[in-house]
N, C-alpha and C. Protein backbone atom coordinates (compact mmCIF):
# COMPACT_ATOMS: atom_id res chain seq x y z
N UNK A 1 14.92 -10.45 54.69
CA UNK A 1 13.65 -9.76 54.87
C UNK A 1 12.51 -10.76 54.70
N UNK A 2 11.49 -10.67 55.53
CA UNK A 2 10.35 -11.58 55.48
C UNK A 2 9.51 -11.29 54.23
N UNK A 3 9.04 -12.35 53.61
CA UNK A 3 8.19 -12.22 52.44
C UNK A 3 6.86 -11.58 52.86
N UNK A 4 6.37 -10.66 52.07
CA UNK A 4 5.13 -9.97 52.36
C UNK A 4 4.00 -11.00 52.47
N UNK A 5 3.22 -10.88 53.53
CA UNK A 5 2.09 -11.78 53.70
C UNK A 5 2.38 -12.99 54.57
N UNK A 6 3.65 -13.31 54.75
CA UNK A 6 3.99 -14.46 55.59
C UNK A 6 4.15 -13.98 57.03
N UNK A 7 3.44 -14.63 57.91
CA UNK A 7 3.56 -14.36 59.34
C UNK A 7 3.65 -15.70 60.05
N UNK A 8 4.07 -15.68 61.28
CA UNK A 8 4.13 -16.92 62.05
C UNK A 8 2.74 -17.53 62.17
N UNK A 9 1.72 -16.70 62.41
CA UNK A 9 0.35 -17.22 62.53
C UNK A 9 -0.11 -17.87 61.24
N UNK A 10 0.18 -17.23 60.13
CA UNK A 10 -0.23 -17.80 58.84
C UNK A 10 0.49 -19.13 58.58
N UNK A 11 1.75 -19.19 58.94
CA UNK A 11 2.50 -20.44 58.76
C UNK A 11 1.96 -21.55 59.66
N UNK A 12 1.61 -21.21 60.88
CA UNK A 12 1.07 -22.21 61.81
C UNK A 12 -0.26 -22.74 61.29
N UNK A 13 -1.12 -21.86 60.83
CA UNK A 13 -2.42 -22.30 60.28
C UNK A 13 -2.21 -23.18 59.05
N UNK A 14 -1.29 -22.77 58.19
CA UNK A 14 -1.00 -23.58 57.01
C UNK A 14 -0.37 -24.91 57.41
N UNK A 15 0.46 -24.90 58.43
CA UNK A 15 1.05 -26.13 58.94
C UNK A 15 0.00 -27.05 59.52
N UNK A 16 -1.00 -26.49 60.20
CA UNK A 16 -2.09 -27.29 60.74
C UNK A 16 -2.90 -27.93 59.62
N UNK A 17 -3.15 -27.16 58.56
CA UNK A 17 -3.87 -27.70 57.40
C UNK A 17 -3.05 -28.80 56.74
N UNK A 18 -1.76 -28.57 56.63
CA UNK A 18 -0.86 -29.57 56.06
C UNK A 18 -0.87 -30.85 56.90
N UNK A 19 -0.86 -30.70 58.21
CA UNK A 19 -0.90 -31.86 59.11
C UNK A 19 -2.16 -32.67 58.87
N UNK A 20 -3.29 -32.00 58.65
CA UNK A 20 -4.54 -32.71 58.38
C UNK A 20 -4.49 -33.45 57.05
N UNK A 21 -3.77 -32.91 56.10
CA UNK A 21 -3.68 -33.52 54.78
C UNK A 21 -2.70 -34.69 54.72
N UNK A 22 -1.51 -34.50 55.31
CA UNK A 22 -0.44 -35.50 55.12
C UNK A 22 -0.02 -36.21 56.40
N UNK A 23 -0.54 -35.78 57.52
CA UNK A 23 -0.15 -36.35 58.80
C UNK A 23 0.82 -35.43 59.53
N UNK A 24 0.65 -35.34 60.82
CA UNK A 24 1.45 -34.42 61.62
C UNK A 24 2.94 -34.72 61.53
N UNK A 25 3.30 -35.97 61.51
CA UNK A 25 4.73 -36.33 61.46
C UNK A 25 5.40 -35.89 60.17
N UNK A 26 4.63 -35.67 59.14
CA UNK A 26 5.18 -35.28 57.84
C UNK A 26 5.37 -33.77 57.68
N UNK A 27 4.93 -33.02 58.65
CA UNK A 27 5.03 -31.55 58.55
C UNK A 27 6.47 -31.11 58.79
N UNK A 28 6.99 -30.36 57.83
CA UNK A 28 8.34 -29.79 57.93
C UNK A 28 8.32 -28.37 57.39
N UNK A 29 9.33 -27.61 57.76
CA UNK A 29 9.47 -26.27 57.20
C UNK A 29 9.67 -26.37 55.69
N UNK A 30 10.40 -27.36 55.24
CA UNK A 30 10.64 -27.53 53.80
C UNK A 30 9.34 -27.75 53.04
N UNK A 31 8.48 -28.61 53.57
CA UNK A 31 7.20 -28.88 52.91
C UNK A 31 6.33 -27.63 52.91
N UNK A 32 6.34 -26.90 53.99
CA UNK A 32 5.56 -25.67 54.06
C UNK A 32 6.09 -24.63 53.06
N UNK A 33 7.40 -24.55 52.92
CA UNK A 33 7.99 -23.63 51.94
C UNK A 33 7.53 -23.97 50.53
N UNK A 34 7.47 -25.28 50.23
CA UNK A 34 6.97 -25.69 48.91
C UNK A 34 5.53 -25.24 48.72
N UNK A 35 4.74 -25.33 49.76
CA UNK A 35 3.33 -24.93 49.66
C UNK A 35 3.19 -23.44 49.37
N UNK A 36 4.07 -22.64 49.93
CA UNK A 36 4.02 -21.19 49.72
C UNK A 36 4.87 -20.76 48.53
N UNK A 37 5.55 -21.73 47.93
CA UNK A 37 6.43 -21.46 46.79
C UNK A 37 7.48 -20.39 47.15
N UNK A 38 8.12 -20.62 48.29
CA UNK A 38 9.19 -19.74 48.75
C UNK A 38 10.38 -20.60 49.15
N UNK A 39 11.51 -19.97 49.33
CA UNK A 39 12.69 -20.67 49.80
C UNK A 39 12.55 -20.95 51.29
N UNK A 40 13.09 -22.08 51.71
CA UNK A 40 13.01 -22.48 53.11
C UNK A 40 13.56 -21.38 54.01
N UNK A 41 14.64 -20.77 53.61
CA UNK A 41 15.28 -19.74 54.43
C UNK A 41 14.32 -18.59 54.76
N UNK A 42 13.38 -18.29 53.85
CA UNK A 42 12.47 -17.18 54.11
C UNK A 42 11.49 -17.49 55.24
N UNK A 43 11.32 -18.76 55.58
CA UNK A 43 10.42 -19.11 56.68
C UNK A 43 11.10 -19.03 58.04
N UNK A 44 12.43 -19.08 58.02
CA UNK A 44 13.16 -19.09 59.29
C UNK A 44 13.14 -17.75 60.02
N UNK A 45 12.61 -16.71 59.39
CA UNK A 45 12.40 -15.46 60.12
C UNK A 45 11.12 -15.52 60.95
N UNK A 46 10.33 -16.58 60.73
CA UNK A 46 9.06 -16.75 61.44
C UNK A 46 9.06 -17.94 62.39
N UNK A 47 9.74 -19.01 62.02
CA UNK A 47 9.86 -20.21 62.86
C UNK A 47 11.32 -20.63 62.88
N UNK A 48 11.75 -21.21 64.00
CA UNK A 48 13.16 -21.57 64.17
C UNK A 48 13.54 -22.85 63.45
N UNK A 49 12.60 -23.81 63.41
CA UNK A 49 12.90 -25.13 62.88
C UNK A 49 11.59 -25.88 62.66
N UNK A 50 11.70 -27.08 62.09
CA UNK A 50 10.50 -27.90 61.95
C UNK A 50 9.94 -28.26 63.32
N UNK A 51 10.80 -28.47 64.30
CA UNK A 51 10.34 -28.78 65.65
C UNK A 51 9.58 -27.60 66.24
N UNK A 52 10.09 -26.39 66.04
CA UNK A 52 9.40 -25.18 66.50
C UNK A 52 8.04 -25.07 65.81
N UNK A 53 7.99 -25.32 64.52
CA UNK A 53 6.73 -25.28 63.78
C UNK A 53 5.74 -26.28 64.36
N UNK A 54 6.20 -27.50 64.62
CA UNK A 54 5.32 -28.54 65.17
C UNK A 54 4.82 -28.14 66.57
N UNK A 55 5.68 -27.58 67.36
CA UNK A 55 5.26 -27.13 68.70
C UNK A 55 4.19 -26.07 68.57
N UNK A 56 4.37 -25.13 67.66
CA UNK A 56 3.38 -24.07 67.47
C UNK A 56 2.05 -24.64 66.97
N UNK A 57 2.12 -25.65 66.09
CA UNK A 57 0.90 -26.30 65.61
C UNK A 57 0.21 -27.01 66.78
N UNK A 58 0.98 -27.67 67.62
CA UNK A 58 0.42 -28.34 68.79
C UNK A 58 -0.30 -27.34 69.70
N UNK A 59 0.33 -26.21 69.95
CA UNK A 59 -0.28 -25.19 70.80
C UNK A 59 -1.55 -24.63 70.16
N UNK A 60 -1.51 -24.42 68.86
CA UNK A 60 -2.68 -23.96 68.10
C UNK A 60 -3.82 -24.96 68.23
N UNK A 61 -3.52 -26.24 68.04
CA UNK A 61 -4.54 -27.29 68.11
C UNK A 61 -5.12 -27.39 69.52
N UNK A 62 -4.29 -27.26 70.54
CA UNK A 62 -4.79 -27.33 71.91
C UNK A 62 -5.77 -26.19 72.21
N UNK A 63 -5.46 -25.00 71.71
CA UNK A 63 -6.37 -23.87 71.91
C UNK A 63 -7.67 -24.10 71.14
N UNK A 64 -7.54 -24.48 69.89
CA UNK A 64 -8.72 -24.70 69.05
C UNK A 64 -9.64 -25.76 69.68
N UNK A 65 -9.06 -26.85 70.14
CA UNK A 65 -9.82 -27.92 70.75
C UNK A 65 -10.42 -27.49 72.09
N UNK A 66 -9.67 -26.77 72.89
CA UNK A 66 -10.19 -26.28 74.18
C UNK A 66 -11.35 -25.31 73.96
N UNK A 67 -11.25 -24.44 72.97
CA UNK A 67 -12.34 -23.51 72.68
C UNK A 67 -13.61 -24.26 72.28
N UNK A 68 -13.45 -25.27 71.44
CA UNK A 68 -14.61 -26.06 71.03
C UNK A 68 -15.23 -26.79 72.23
N UNK A 69 -14.37 -27.37 73.05
CA UNK A 69 -14.86 -28.11 74.21
C UNK A 69 -15.58 -27.17 75.18
N UNK A 70 -15.01 -26.00 75.42
CA UNK A 70 -15.63 -25.04 76.34
C UNK A 70 -17.01 -24.63 75.83
N UNK A 71 -17.12 -24.37 74.54
CA UNK A 71 -18.42 -24.02 73.96
C UNK A 71 -19.42 -25.16 74.11
N UNK A 72 -18.95 -26.39 73.92
CA UNK A 72 -19.83 -27.55 73.96
C UNK A 72 -20.36 -27.84 75.36
N UNK A 73 -19.54 -27.65 76.38
CA UNK A 73 -19.97 -28.01 77.74
C UNK A 73 -20.61 -26.84 78.50
N UNK A 74 -20.55 -25.66 77.95
CA UNK A 74 -21.12 -24.49 78.65
C UNK A 74 -22.58 -24.73 78.99
N UNK A 75 -22.91 -24.59 80.27
CA UNK A 75 -24.28 -24.75 80.72
C UNK A 75 -24.73 -26.19 80.90
N UNK A 76 -23.82 -27.13 80.74
CA UNK A 76 -24.18 -28.54 80.87
C UNK A 76 -23.54 -29.12 82.13
N UNK A 77 -24.10 -30.21 82.59
CA UNK A 77 -23.54 -30.90 83.76
C UNK A 77 -23.79 -32.40 83.62
N UNK A 78 -23.10 -33.17 84.45
CA UNK A 78 -23.30 -34.62 84.48
C UNK A 78 -23.08 -35.27 83.13
N UNK A 79 -23.96 -36.19 82.82
CA UNK A 79 -23.82 -36.95 81.57
C UNK A 79 -23.88 -36.06 80.34
N UNK A 80 -24.72 -35.03 80.37
CA UNK A 80 -24.80 -34.12 79.21
C UNK A 80 -23.45 -33.47 78.94
N UNK A 81 -22.76 -33.04 79.99
CA UNK A 81 -21.44 -32.44 79.83
C UNK A 81 -20.43 -33.47 79.35
N UNK A 82 -20.48 -34.65 79.94
CA UNK A 82 -19.56 -35.73 79.55
C UNK A 82 -19.71 -36.05 78.06
N UNK A 83 -20.93 -36.23 77.60
CA UNK A 83 -21.18 -36.58 76.20
C UNK A 83 -20.75 -35.44 75.27
N UNK A 84 -21.07 -34.21 75.62
CA UNK A 84 -20.69 -33.07 74.78
C UNK A 84 -19.17 -32.96 74.68
N UNK A 85 -18.51 -33.12 75.81
CA UNK A 85 -17.04 -33.05 75.85
C UNK A 85 -16.42 -34.17 75.01
N UNK A 86 -16.91 -35.38 75.20
CA UNK A 86 -16.38 -36.53 74.46
C UNK A 86 -16.60 -36.36 72.96
N UNK A 87 -17.75 -35.88 72.58
CA UNK A 87 -18.05 -35.71 71.15
C UNK A 87 -17.15 -34.69 70.49
N UNK A 88 -16.75 -33.67 71.24
CA UNK A 88 -15.81 -32.69 70.69
C UNK A 88 -14.51 -33.37 70.30
N UNK A 89 -13.98 -34.21 71.17
CA UNK A 89 -12.73 -34.90 70.89
C UNK A 89 -12.87 -35.84 69.69
N UNK A 90 -13.95 -36.59 69.65
CA UNK A 90 -14.17 -37.52 68.54
C UNK A 90 -14.34 -36.75 67.23
N UNK A 91 -15.15 -35.71 67.24
CA UNK A 91 -15.38 -34.93 66.03
C UNK A 91 -14.11 -34.24 65.55
N UNK A 92 -13.33 -33.73 66.49
CA UNK A 92 -12.08 -33.05 66.12
C UNK A 92 -11.13 -34.02 65.43
N UNK A 93 -11.04 -35.24 65.95
CA UNK A 93 -10.19 -36.27 65.34
C UNK A 93 -10.66 -36.56 63.91
N UNK A 94 -11.95 -36.63 63.73
CA UNK A 94 -12.50 -36.92 62.39
C UNK A 94 -12.25 -35.76 61.43
N UNK A 95 -12.45 -34.53 61.89
CA UNK A 95 -12.31 -33.36 61.04
C UNK A 95 -10.85 -32.96 60.83
N UNK A 96 -10.04 -33.13 61.86
CA UNK A 96 -8.66 -32.64 61.83
C UNK A 96 -7.69 -33.69 62.40
N UNK A 97 -7.47 -34.77 61.69
CA UNK A 97 -6.62 -35.84 62.24
C UNK A 97 -5.19 -35.39 62.53
N UNK A 98 -4.64 -34.52 61.70
CA UNK A 98 -3.28 -34.04 61.93
C UNK A 98 -3.20 -33.12 63.13
N UNK A 99 -4.19 -32.27 63.28
CA UNK A 99 -4.22 -31.37 64.43
C UNK A 99 -4.45 -32.16 65.72
N UNK A 100 -5.31 -33.18 65.65
CA UNK A 100 -5.56 -34.01 66.83
C UNK A 100 -4.26 -34.69 67.27
N UNK A 101 -3.49 -35.17 66.30
CA UNK A 101 -2.19 -35.77 66.64
C UNK A 101 -1.27 -34.71 67.24
N UNK A 102 -1.30 -33.51 66.69
CA UNK A 102 -0.47 -32.43 67.22
C UNK A 102 -0.83 -32.10 68.66
N UNK A 103 -2.13 -32.13 68.97
CA UNK A 103 -2.58 -31.80 70.32
C UNK A 103 -2.06 -32.79 71.35
N UNK A 104 -1.64 -33.97 70.90
CA UNK A 104 -1.09 -34.98 71.81
C UNK A 104 0.44 -35.00 71.82
N UNK A 105 1.04 -34.05 71.12
CA UNK A 105 2.50 -33.98 71.08
C UNK A 105 3.05 -33.73 72.49
N UNK A 106 4.11 -34.42 72.81
CA UNK A 106 4.75 -34.20 74.11
C UNK A 106 5.47 -32.86 74.08
N UNK A 107 5.10 -32.00 75.02
CA UNK A 107 5.71 -30.68 75.12
C UNK A 107 6.64 -30.65 76.33
N UNK A 108 7.64 -29.78 76.27
CA UNK A 108 8.50 -29.64 77.45
C UNK A 108 7.64 -29.07 78.58
N UNK A 109 8.01 -29.33 79.83
CA UNK A 109 7.16 -28.93 80.96
C UNK A 109 6.78 -27.45 80.98
N UNK A 110 7.71 -26.58 80.65
CA UNK A 110 7.41 -25.14 80.67
C UNK A 110 6.38 -24.77 79.61
N UNK A 111 6.56 -25.29 78.40
CA UNK A 111 5.61 -25.01 77.32
C UNK A 111 4.25 -25.62 77.64
N UNK A 112 4.25 -26.83 78.16
CA UNK A 112 3.00 -27.49 78.52
C UNK A 112 2.24 -26.69 79.58
N UNK A 113 2.96 -26.16 80.54
CA UNK A 113 2.32 -25.40 81.62
C UNK A 113 1.67 -24.12 81.09
N UNK A 114 2.23 -23.55 80.02
CA UNK A 114 1.68 -22.33 79.44
C UNK A 114 0.63 -22.61 78.36
N UNK A 115 0.44 -23.86 78.02
CA UNK A 115 -0.45 -24.22 76.91
C UNK A 115 -1.90 -24.33 77.35
N UNK A 116 -2.77 -24.52 76.38
CA UNK A 116 -4.20 -24.73 76.66
C UNK A 116 -4.45 -26.14 77.19
N UNK A 117 -3.43 -26.95 77.29
CA UNK A 117 -3.59 -28.28 77.88
C UNK A 117 -4.18 -28.20 79.28
N UNK A 118 -3.79 -27.18 80.02
CA UNK A 118 -4.33 -26.99 81.37
C UNK A 118 -5.84 -26.76 81.32
N UNK A 119 -6.31 -26.07 80.30
CA UNK A 119 -7.77 -25.86 80.15
C UNK A 119 -8.49 -27.18 79.96
N UNK A 120 -7.88 -28.09 79.18
CA UNK A 120 -8.49 -29.40 78.96
C UNK A 120 -8.64 -30.15 80.29
N UNK A 121 -7.58 -30.13 81.07
CA UNK A 121 -7.62 -30.81 82.37
C UNK A 121 -8.65 -30.16 83.29
N UNK A 122 -8.72 -28.83 83.29
CA UNK A 122 -9.69 -28.13 84.13
C UNK A 122 -11.12 -28.47 83.73
N UNK A 123 -11.37 -28.53 82.42
CA UNK A 123 -12.72 -28.87 81.97
C UNK A 123 -13.08 -30.30 82.34
N UNK A 124 -12.12 -31.20 82.18
CA UNK A 124 -12.38 -32.60 82.55
C UNK A 124 -12.70 -32.69 84.03
N UNK A 125 -11.91 -32.02 84.85
CA UNK A 125 -12.15 -32.04 86.30
C UNK A 125 -13.49 -31.37 86.65
N UNK A 126 -13.86 -30.34 85.92
CA UNK A 126 -15.15 -29.69 86.17
C UNK A 126 -16.29 -30.66 85.88
N UNK A 127 -16.18 -31.40 84.80
CA UNK A 127 -17.19 -32.42 84.48
C UNK A 127 -17.25 -33.48 85.58
N UNK A 128 -16.09 -33.88 86.06
CA UNK A 128 -16.03 -34.92 87.08
C UNK A 128 -16.58 -34.47 88.42
N UNK A 129 -16.59 -33.16 88.68
CA UNK A 129 -17.19 -32.68 89.94
C UNK A 129 -18.66 -33.08 90.04
N UNK A 130 -19.30 -33.20 88.90
CA UNK A 130 -20.69 -33.65 88.88
C UNK A 130 -20.86 -35.10 89.31
N UNK A 131 -19.76 -35.81 89.37
CA UNK A 131 -19.80 -37.22 89.79
C UNK A 131 -19.25 -37.39 91.21
N UNK A 132 -18.93 -36.30 91.88
CA UNK A 132 -18.45 -36.32 93.27
C UNK A 132 -17.21 -37.18 93.49
N UNK A 133 -16.28 -37.12 92.56
CA UNK A 133 -15.03 -37.87 92.73
C UNK A 133 -14.02 -36.99 93.46
N UNK A 134 -13.29 -37.57 94.36
CA UNK A 134 -12.23 -36.86 95.07
C UNK A 134 -10.90 -37.48 94.68
N UNK A 135 -9.83 -36.84 95.08
CA UNK A 135 -8.49 -37.35 94.77
C UNK A 135 -8.18 -38.58 95.61
N UNK A 136 -7.45 -39.53 95.09
CA UNK A 136 -6.83 -39.57 93.77
C UNK A 136 -7.75 -40.08 92.66
N UNK A 137 -9.00 -40.42 93.02
CA UNK A 137 -9.91 -40.99 92.03
C UNK A 137 -10.20 -40.03 90.88
N UNK A 138 -10.26 -38.73 91.16
CA UNK A 138 -10.50 -37.77 90.07
C UNK A 138 -9.37 -37.83 89.05
N UNK A 139 -8.14 -37.96 89.50
CA UNK A 139 -7.01 -38.08 88.57
C UNK A 139 -7.11 -39.38 87.78
N UNK A 140 -7.47 -40.48 88.44
CA UNK A 140 -7.65 -41.75 87.72
C UNK A 140 -8.73 -41.60 86.64
N UNK A 141 -9.81 -40.91 86.98
CA UNK A 141 -10.90 -40.73 86.03
C UNK A 141 -10.50 -39.82 84.86
N UNK A 142 -9.73 -38.77 85.14
CA UNK A 142 -9.23 -37.92 84.05
C UNK A 142 -8.42 -38.76 83.07
N UNK A 143 -7.57 -39.60 83.59
CA UNK A 143 -6.74 -40.46 82.73
C UNK A 143 -7.59 -41.46 81.96
N UNK A 144 -8.59 -42.01 82.61
CA UNK A 144 -9.48 -42.95 81.94
C UNK A 144 -10.20 -42.27 80.78
N UNK A 145 -10.78 -41.11 81.04
CA UNK A 145 -11.52 -40.41 79.99
C UNK A 145 -10.61 -40.05 78.82
N UNK A 146 -9.43 -39.51 79.12
CA UNK A 146 -8.50 -39.18 78.04
C UNK A 146 -8.12 -40.40 77.22
N UNK A 147 -7.89 -41.50 77.88
CA UNK A 147 -7.53 -42.74 77.18
C UNK A 147 -8.66 -43.21 76.27
N UNK A 148 -9.87 -43.18 76.79
CA UNK A 148 -11.02 -43.64 76.00
C UNK A 148 -11.27 -42.70 74.84
N UNK A 149 -11.34 -41.41 75.10
CA UNK A 149 -11.65 -40.46 74.03
C UNK A 149 -10.62 -40.51 72.91
N UNK A 150 -9.35 -40.41 73.29
CA UNK A 150 -8.30 -40.39 72.27
C UNK A 150 -8.13 -41.76 71.62
N UNK A 151 -8.15 -42.79 72.44
CA UNK A 151 -7.96 -44.14 71.91
C UNK A 151 -9.04 -44.54 70.93
N UNK A 152 -10.29 -44.30 71.30
CA UNK A 152 -11.40 -44.66 70.42
C UNK A 152 -11.33 -43.88 69.11
N UNK A 153 -11.10 -42.57 69.23
CA UNK A 153 -11.03 -41.73 68.04
C UNK A 153 -9.89 -42.15 67.12
N UNK A 154 -8.75 -42.50 67.70
CA UNK A 154 -7.61 -42.96 66.89
C UNK A 154 -7.94 -44.25 66.17
N UNK A 155 -8.48 -45.21 66.90
CA UNK A 155 -8.82 -46.50 66.29
C UNK A 155 -9.90 -46.34 65.22
N UNK A 156 -10.89 -45.53 65.51
CA UNK A 156 -11.97 -45.31 64.56
C UNK A 156 -11.46 -44.65 63.29
N UNK A 157 -10.62 -43.62 63.45
CA UNK A 157 -10.12 -42.91 62.26
C UNK A 157 -9.17 -43.77 61.44
N UNK A 158 -8.55 -44.75 62.07
CA UNK A 158 -7.67 -45.67 61.34
C UNK A 158 -8.45 -46.81 60.67
N UNK A 159 -9.79 -46.80 60.84
CA UNK A 159 -10.62 -47.83 60.21
C UNK A 159 -10.77 -49.09 61.05
N UNK A 160 -10.37 -49.01 62.30
CA UNK A 160 -10.38 -50.20 63.15
C UNK A 160 -11.75 -50.77 63.44
N UNK A 161 -12.80 -49.99 63.25
CA UNK A 161 -14.14 -50.49 63.56
C UNK A 161 -15.03 -50.60 62.33
N UNK A 162 -14.44 -50.44 61.17
CA UNK A 162 -15.24 -50.41 59.94
C UNK A 162 -15.50 -51.79 59.35
N UNK A 163 -15.01 -52.83 59.99
CA UNK A 163 -15.10 -54.17 59.41
C UNK A 163 -16.23 -55.01 59.97
N UNK A 164 -16.96 -54.48 60.93
CA UNK A 164 -18.02 -55.29 61.53
C UNK A 164 -19.13 -54.41 62.09
N UNK A 165 -20.29 -55.03 62.25
CA UNK A 165 -21.42 -54.35 62.87
C UNK A 165 -21.30 -54.51 64.38
N UNK A 166 -21.90 -53.63 65.14
CA UNK A 166 -22.70 -52.46 64.77
C UNK A 166 -21.81 -51.30 64.35
N UNK A 167 -22.44 -50.27 63.85
CA UNK A 167 -21.76 -49.06 63.44
C UNK A 167 -20.98 -48.48 64.63
N UNK A 168 -19.82 -47.90 64.35
CA UNK A 168 -18.98 -47.37 65.43
C UNK A 168 -19.68 -46.25 66.21
N UNK A 169 -20.59 -45.54 65.59
CA UNK A 169 -21.35 -44.51 66.30
C UNK A 169 -22.24 -45.10 67.39
N UNK A 170 -22.79 -46.28 67.11
CA UNK A 170 -23.62 -46.96 68.11
C UNK A 170 -22.73 -47.38 69.29
N UNK A 171 -21.56 -47.91 68.97
CA UNK A 171 -20.63 -48.31 70.02
C UNK A 171 -20.20 -47.11 70.85
N UNK A 172 -19.93 -45.99 70.19
CA UNK A 172 -19.52 -44.77 70.89
C UNK A 172 -20.58 -44.35 71.91
N UNK A 173 -21.83 -44.38 71.50
CA UNK A 173 -22.92 -44.03 72.41
C UNK A 173 -22.97 -44.97 73.60
N UNK A 174 -22.78 -46.25 73.35
CA UNK A 174 -22.79 -47.23 74.44
C UNK A 174 -21.60 -47.02 75.38
N UNK A 175 -20.45 -46.68 74.81
CA UNK A 175 -19.28 -46.41 75.64
C UNK A 175 -19.54 -45.21 76.56
N UNK A 176 -20.14 -44.16 76.02
CA UNK A 176 -20.43 -42.99 76.84
C UNK A 176 -21.46 -43.32 77.93
N UNK A 177 -22.43 -44.17 77.60
CA UNK A 177 -23.38 -44.63 78.63
C UNK A 177 -22.63 -45.40 79.73
N UNK A 178 -21.71 -46.26 79.31
CA UNK A 178 -20.95 -47.06 80.27
C UNK A 178 -20.03 -46.17 81.13
N UNK A 179 -19.40 -45.18 80.51
CA UNK A 179 -18.56 -44.26 81.28
C UNK A 179 -19.38 -43.50 82.31
N UNK A 180 -20.55 -43.03 81.90
CA UNK A 180 -21.41 -42.32 82.84
C UNK A 180 -21.78 -43.23 84.02
N UNK A 181 -22.14 -44.47 83.73
CA UNK A 181 -22.50 -45.41 84.79
C UNK A 181 -21.31 -45.69 85.70
N UNK A 182 -20.13 -45.84 85.11
CA UNK A 182 -18.93 -46.08 85.90
C UNK A 182 -18.63 -44.89 86.80
N UNK A 183 -18.69 -43.70 86.25
CA UNK A 183 -18.38 -42.50 87.03
C UNK A 183 -19.39 -42.30 88.17
N UNK A 184 -20.65 -42.65 87.94
CA UNK A 184 -21.67 -42.53 88.99
C UNK A 184 -21.47 -43.59 90.07
N UNK A 185 -20.82 -44.68 89.70
CA UNK A 185 -20.63 -45.80 90.64
C UNK A 185 -19.16 -46.15 90.77
N UNK A 186 -18.33 -45.13 90.88
CA UNK A 186 -16.88 -45.32 90.93
C UNK A 186 -16.52 -46.28 92.08
N UNK A 187 -15.66 -47.27 91.79
CA UNK A 187 -15.31 -48.23 92.84
C UNK A 187 -14.53 -47.57 93.98
N UNK A 188 -14.75 -48.08 95.17
CA UNK A 188 -14.03 -47.57 96.32
C UNK A 188 -12.60 -48.09 96.29
N UNK A 189 -11.75 -47.46 97.05
CA UNK A 189 -10.33 -47.84 97.12
C UNK A 189 -10.21 -49.28 97.59
N UNK A 190 -9.41 -50.09 96.87
CA UNK A 190 -9.23 -51.49 97.30
C UNK A 190 -8.60 -51.54 98.70
N UNK A 191 -8.98 -52.55 99.47
CA UNK A 191 -8.50 -52.66 100.83
C UNK A 191 -7.47 -53.77 101.02
N UNK A 192 -6.77 -54.13 99.99
CA UNK A 192 -5.78 -55.22 100.11
C UNK A 192 -4.44 -54.77 100.61
């Protein structure tokens, strides 16, 4: 019988909090059971395994991040939308490092297709429409933006930019200026 008060949603939220505290890779059903002071077996009526728990945390993080991004870009276009979108990713990494890692978890194709990951891609493509990019350049740009946003946030949160001036926030602003300029002046297809 399930312990009163324990639900799959409550476990996922607690798992997301745990991921932020100890790192996403350290999240297990056993550790979560210790947090709730229950036996591991009592959690298996809500989640199948640690992998199932991690997948659920990843899906939770993707929704949470997509909701924040949608709110941030609503009513914006061009550089304003790009900056708002980018800042959501950077801020999320700073506030929720474990959840941010979860949002990048590799999901099986069926789960990925049903996840909020598609919303992230749609929002990125919507922002890029303001730059008049067509395929395959729009896909290249989506990949570029994802690489920059996630890569910078990961390096920054690991302390990679804390050893020298200027402040990483100044660099972030310059990177967003450079991305905007690049997107407005996207190179044409090479003719070699």
